[in-house]
Amino acid sequence: MSIIRIMFGVIIGGCIVAGLLIGAVRFPRVGMVGMCGAGAGLVLWVAYDGLRTGVIGAKRSRYERDSSPWGFWFYISFYTLIGAVVIAYGVYYLLQPFTQ
């Protein structure tokens, strides 16, 4: 990979991050919803991927749907609950008026 391509990618990525930060400063509610949505999306993707493949990992453990169903379904429900709570917090922050 050429150095120019790497530098170009870093510059574009830096501009994207700078734009997101400027947008979050100007519109803090939208920034918070975006941040919560991205975090919740990642957590919910882990639960979805576990359901799709039948294997979910937690810390140093690996739980398969067939061999250890209790651990598997616990972590699927745990990740789903955490994702729902993070989404709810983002929506609450968007709808709650500022008190200054």
Protein backbone atom coordinates (compact mmCIF):
# COMPACT_ATOMS: atom_id res chain seq x y z
CA MET A 1 0.00 0.00 0.00
CA SER A 2 1.47 3.30 -0.97
CA ILE A 3 2.20 6.00 1.57
CA ILE A 4 0.11 8.53 -0.37
CA ARG A 5 -2.96 6.29 -0.11
CA ILE A 6 -2.44 5.90 3.64
CA MET A 7 -1.97 9.64 4.15
CA PHE A 8 -5.06 10.37 2.06
CA GLY A 9 -7.14 7.95 4.16
CA VAL A 10 -5.88 9.49 7.41
CA ILE A 11 -6.68 13.01 6.18
CA ILE A 12 -10.19 12.00 5.08
CA GLY A 13 -10.79 10.17 8.39
CA GLY A 14 -9.57 13.18 10.36
CA CYS A 15 -11.90 15.47 8.43
CA ILE A 16 -14.84 13.16 9.13
CA VAL A 17 -14.06 13.07 12.86
CA ALA A 18 -13.62 16.86 12.94
CA GLY A 19 -16.95 17.35 11.19
CA LEU A 20 -18.70 15.03 13.62
CA LEU A 21 -17.18 16.84 16.59
CA ILE A 22 -18.18 20.26 15.24
CA GLY A 23 -21.71 18.95 14.62
CA ALA A 24 -21.89 17.51 18.15
CA VAL A 25 -20.82 20.83 19.67
CA ARG A 26 -23.34 22.77 17.64
CA PHE A 27 -26.16 20.22 18.05
CA PRO A 28 -25.47 18.30 21.28
CA ARG A 29 -28.73 16.37 21.32
CA VAL A 30 -28.23 14.99 17.84
CA GLY A 31 -24.63 14.15 18.71
CA MET A 32 -25.75 12.26 21.80
CA VAL A 33 -28.38 10.31 19.87
CA GLY A 34 -25.79 9.46 17.22
CA MET A 35 -23.29 8.33 19.82
CA CYS A 36 -25.88 6.25 21.68
CA GLY A 37 -27.16 4.82 18.43
CA ALA A 38 -23.68 3.78 17.34
CA GLY A 39 -22.90 2.19 20.70
CA ALA A 40 -26.24 0.41 20.88
CA GLY A 41 -25.88 -0.73 17.30
CA LEU A 42 -22.56 -2.34 18.12
CA VAL A 43 -23.95 -4.12 21.18
CA LEU A 44 -27.06 -5.27 19.32
CA TRP A 45 -24.90 -6.46 16.42
CA VAL A 46 -23.02 -8.73 18.84
CA ALA A 47 -26.33 -10.26 19.96
CA TYR A 48 -27.52 -10.61 16.36
CA ASP A 49 -24.27 -12.22 15.27
CA GLY A 50 -24.51 -14.64 18.18
CA LEU A 51 -28.03 -15.61 17.14
CA ARG A 52 -26.99 -15.98 13.52
CA THR A 53 -23.92 -18.14 14.16
CA GLY A 54 -25.09 -19.93 17.30
CA VAL A 55 -21.90 -18.99 19.19
CA ILE A 56 -21.34 -16.01 21.48
CA GLY A 57 -18.20 -15.05 23.34
CA ALA A 58 -18.01 -13.29 26.66
CA LYS A 59 -14.66 -12.35 28.19
CA ARG A 60 -12.60 -15.50 27.80
CA SER A 61 -15.54 -17.89 27.47
CA ARG A 62 -17.31 -19.20 24.42
CA TYR A 63 -20.93 -20.30 24.64
CA GLU A 64 -22.55 -22.40 21.94
CA ARG A 65 -26.29 -22.72 21.54
CA ASP A 66 -26.24 -26.53 21.58
CA SER A 67 -23.62 -27.30 24.24
CA SER A 68 -24.37 -24.60 26.85
CA PRO A 69 -27.79 -23.05 26.19
CA TRP A 70 -28.05 -21.26 29.57
CA GLY A 71 -24.89 -19.23 29.06
CA PHE A 72 -25.71 -18.59 25.42
CA TRP A 73 -29.20 -17.26 26.06
CA PHE A 74 -28.05 -15.29 29.09
CA TYR A 75 -25.53 -13.34 27.04
CA ILE A 76 -27.94 -12.90 24.12
CA SER A 77 -30.55 -11.40 26.48
CA PHE A 78 -27.89 -9.41 28.35
CA TYR A 79 -26.52 -7.78 25.20
CA THR A 80 -30.05 -7.12 23.93
CA LEU A 81 -31.04 -5.48 27.22
CA ILE A 82 -27.91 -3.31 27.31
CA GLY A 83 -28.50 -2.24 23.69
CA ALA A 84 -32.11 -1.32 24.44
CA VAL A 85 -31.09 0.68 27.52
CA VAL A 86 -28.50 2.65 25.55
CA ILE A 87 -31.02 3.41 22.79
CA ALA A 88 -33.58 4.48 25.40
CA TYR A 89 -31.04 6.79 27.02
CA GLY A 90 -30.31 8.45 23.69
CA VAL A 91 -34.01 8.96 22.97
CA TYR A 92 -34.58 10.26 26.51
CA TYR A 93 -31.72 12.75 26.09
CA LEU A 94 -33.20 13.89 22.78
CA LEU A 95 -36.69 14.44 24.20
CA GLN A 96 -35.81 15.83 27.65
CA PRO A 97 -35.63 19.64 27.67
CA PHE A 98 -32.46 21.32 28.90
CA THR A 99 -32.71 22.98 32.29
CA GLN A 100 -30.22 25.77 32.62
